[in-house]
Protein backbone atom coordinates (compact mmCIF):
# COMPACT_ATOMS: atom_id res chain seq x y z
CA MET A 1 -0.19 -0.07 -0.11
CA LYS A 2 2.79 2.42 1.00
CA TYR A 3 4.48 1.82 -2.43
CA LYS A 4 1.45 2.59 -4.51
CA ILE A 5 1.17 5.88 -2.42
CA LEU A 6 4.86 6.55 -2.98
CA ALA A 7 4.39 5.69 -6.69
CA ALA A 8 1.63 8.08 -6.84
CA VAL A 9 3.25 10.88 -5.38
CA VAL A 10 6.21 10.58 -7.71
CA PHE A 11 4.06 10.28 -10.66
CA VAL A 12 2.35 13.54 -9.50
CA ILE A 13 5.67 15.40 -8.97
CA ILE A 14 6.74 14.40 -12.31
CA ALA A 15 3.50 15.20 -13.94
CA ILE A 16 3.18 18.57 -12.69
CA GLN A 17 6.86 19.53 -14.16
CA PHE A 18 4.77 19.62 -17.60
CA ILE A 19 2.41 22.33 -16.56
CA PRO A 20 3.57 25.53 -18.42
CA TYR A 21 3.01 28.18 -15.57
CA GLY A 22 6.46 29.21 -14.33
CA LYS A 23 8.52 27.86 -17.26
CA ASN A 24 8.77 30.90 -19.17
CA HIS A 25 12.30 32.69 -18.24
CA SER A 26 12.56 34.65 -21.04
CA ALA A 27 13.27 38.29 -19.95
CA PRO A 28 11.49 41.22 -21.61
CA LEU A 29 13.60 44.01 -22.79
CA VAL A 30 14.67 46.83 -20.64
CA VAL A 31 12.75 49.64 -22.18
CA SER A 32 14.00 52.41 -19.82
CA GLU A 33 15.19 53.15 -16.45
CA PRO A 34 14.98 55.74 -13.85
CA GLU A 35 17.94 58.37 -13.37
CA TRP A 36 19.56 56.56 -10.43
CA ASP A 37 21.16 59.23 -8.04
CA SER A 38 24.47 57.22 -8.11
CA PRO A 39 25.87 53.69 -9.39
CA ARG A 40 25.73 52.55 -5.73
CA THR A 41 22.07 53.03 -5.42
CA LYS A 42 21.50 50.95 -8.35
CA ASP A 43 24.07 48.36 -7.45
CA LEU A 44 22.16 47.97 -4.06
CA PHE A 45 18.71 47.97 -5.78
CA THR A 46 20.23 45.08 -8.14
CA ARG A 47 21.24 43.08 -5.19
CA ALA A 48 18.07 43.52 -3.06
CA CYS A 49 15.22 44.21 -5.49
CA ALA A 50 15.99 43.70 -9.10
CA ASP A 51 14.97 40.01 -9.43
CA CYS A 52 11.44 40.79 -8.74
CA HIS A 53 11.33 44.54 -9.73
CA SER A 54 12.98 44.60 -13.27
CA ASN A 55 13.37 42.66 -16.47
CA GLU A 56 16.58 41.51 -15.41
CA THR A 57 15.56 38.70 -13.16
CA LYS A 58 18.25 35.83 -12.53
CA TRP A 59 16.37 32.69 -12.27
CA PRO A 60 18.06 30.31 -9.61
CA TRP A 61 17.98 26.54 -10.37
CA TYR A 62 14.75 25.75 -8.22
CA SER A 63 12.78 28.31 -10.40
CA SER A 64 12.46 25.29 -12.98
CA ILE A 65 10.98 22.73 -10.74
CA ALA A 66 7.11 22.77 -10.21
CA PRO A 67 5.41 23.76 -7.88
CA VAL A 68 8.15 26.23 -6.70
CA SER A 69 8.69 27.45 -9.99
CA TRP A 70 4.84 28.62 -9.95
CA LEU A 71 5.43 30.69 -6.81
CA VAL A 72 8.72 32.18 -8.12
CA GLN A 73 6.92 33.13 -11.30
CA TYR A 74 4.01 34.49 -9.64
CA ASP A 75 6.24 36.63 -7.12
CA VAL A 76 8.05 38.04 -10.35
CA GLU A 77 5.08 39.01 -12.13
CA GLU A 78 3.57 40.67 -9.18
CA GLY A 79 6.76 42.60 -8.10
CA ARG A 80 7.05 43.72 -11.85
CA GLU A 81 3.22 44.75 -12.17
CA HIS A 82 3.79 46.99 -9.02
CA PHE A 83 7.19 48.44 -9.52
CA ASN A 84 9.56 47.91 -12.57
CA VAL A 85 12.74 49.97 -13.21
CA SER A 86 12.88 48.41 -16.57
CA MET A 87 9.67 49.94 -17.79
CA TRP A 88 10.40 53.40 -15.96
CA GLY A 89 8.00 56.10 -17.41
CA VAL A 90 6.22 53.36 -19.65
CA GLN A 91 4.32 51.27 -16.97
CA LYS A 92 1.16 52.76 -15.51
CA ASP A 93 1.58 52.38 -11.71
CA ASN A 94 5.24 52.56 -11.53
CA GLU A 95 5.66 54.96 -8.72
CA GLY A 96 9.21 54.75 -6.85
CA ASP A 97 8.28 57.13 -4.14
CA GLU A 98 6.83 54.28 -2.25
CA ALA A 99 9.95 51.98 -2.65
CA LYS A 100 11.99 53.59 0.23
CA GLU A 101 8.83 53.43 2.62
CA LYS A 102 8.24 49.57 1.71
CA PHE A 103 12.15 48.92 2.09
CA GLU A 104 12.38 50.69 5.42
CA GLU A 105 9.33 49.03 6.91
CA GLY A 106 10.71 45.49 6.09
CA GLU A 107 8.45 44.74 3.45
CA MET A 108 10.94 44.43 0.81
CA PRO A 109 12.84 42.32 0.25
CA PRO A 110 10.44 39.47 1.62
CA TRP A 111 11.85 37.34 4.36
CA PHE A 112 11.50 34.20 2.08
CA TYR A 113 13.45 35.85 -0.50
CA VAL A 114 16.38 36.83 1.77
CA ILE A 115 16.57 33.32 3.07
CA LEU A 116 17.29 32.10 -0.26
CA HIS A 117 19.50 35.00 -1.51
CA PRO A 118 21.60 36.20 1.56
CA GLU A 119 23.14 38.79 -0.62
CA ALA A 120 19.95 40.71 -0.71
CA LYS A 121 20.18 41.27 3.04
CA LEU A 122 21.85 44.85 3.25
CA SER A 123 23.85 45.65 6.38
CA GLU A 124 22.61 48.49 8.45
CA SER A 125 24.87 51.00 6.93
CA GLU A 126 24.06 49.91 3.50
CA THR A 127 20.29 50.02 4.37
CA LYS A 128 20.90 53.71 5.55
CA GLU A 129 22.85 54.39 2.01
CA PHE A 130 20.10 52.69 0.16
CA SER A 131 17.16 54.45 1.73
CA LYS A 132 18.98 57.73 1.15
CA GLY A 133 19.74 56.72 -2.48
CA LEU A 134 16.02 55.73 -3.10
CA LEU A 135 14.87 58.97 -1.82
CA ALA A 136 17.28 60.99 -3.90
CA THR A 137 16.17 59.02 -7.01
CA PHE A 138 12.39 58.63 -6.50
CA GLY A 139 11.63 61.66 -4.38
CA GLU A 140 8.85 61.18 -1.61
CA GLU A 141 5.35 60.16 -1.85
CA ASP A 142 2.86 63.30 -2.31
CA GLU A 143 0.28 63.82 0.06
CA GLU A 144 -2.21 63.56 -2.64
CA ASP A 145 -0.81 59.85 -3.43
CA GLU A 146 -1.18 59.11 0.31
CA ASN A 147 -5.00 60.49 0.34
CA GLU A 148 -5.68 58.36 -2.75
CA ASP A 149 -4.96 55.08 -0.87
CA ASP A 150 -7.48 55.90 1.75
């Protein structure tokens, strides 16, 4: 009986590898980027944020194995939809002024991303430097923007 269950589990794991969602790792082109305040801010962004918030995603080996691939693909699609530096000025809701706030509040990068990508965890001094760079690059959220969220 337990061999039948094991065989069924193995069959399901193999079968789900053929479900296409999450298998498309071709990167869209970089259309335009923000005018970064410094190369250092861009470097820190690349380290901590670019895999989900740009078209220059580096796909790790596990992003090709279902069902993890589905989760990774979903996270990247959601990240690009909300904030994509590779579509700067083109993508409708691409406001960088919220980036500093999300980063400082610890919402970004997500904890599960940092576990698998320890390089994305910035030191205290890098965090301060990055926050200043985000503010200089994107500015602050307008009060009008804040009131629209209410």
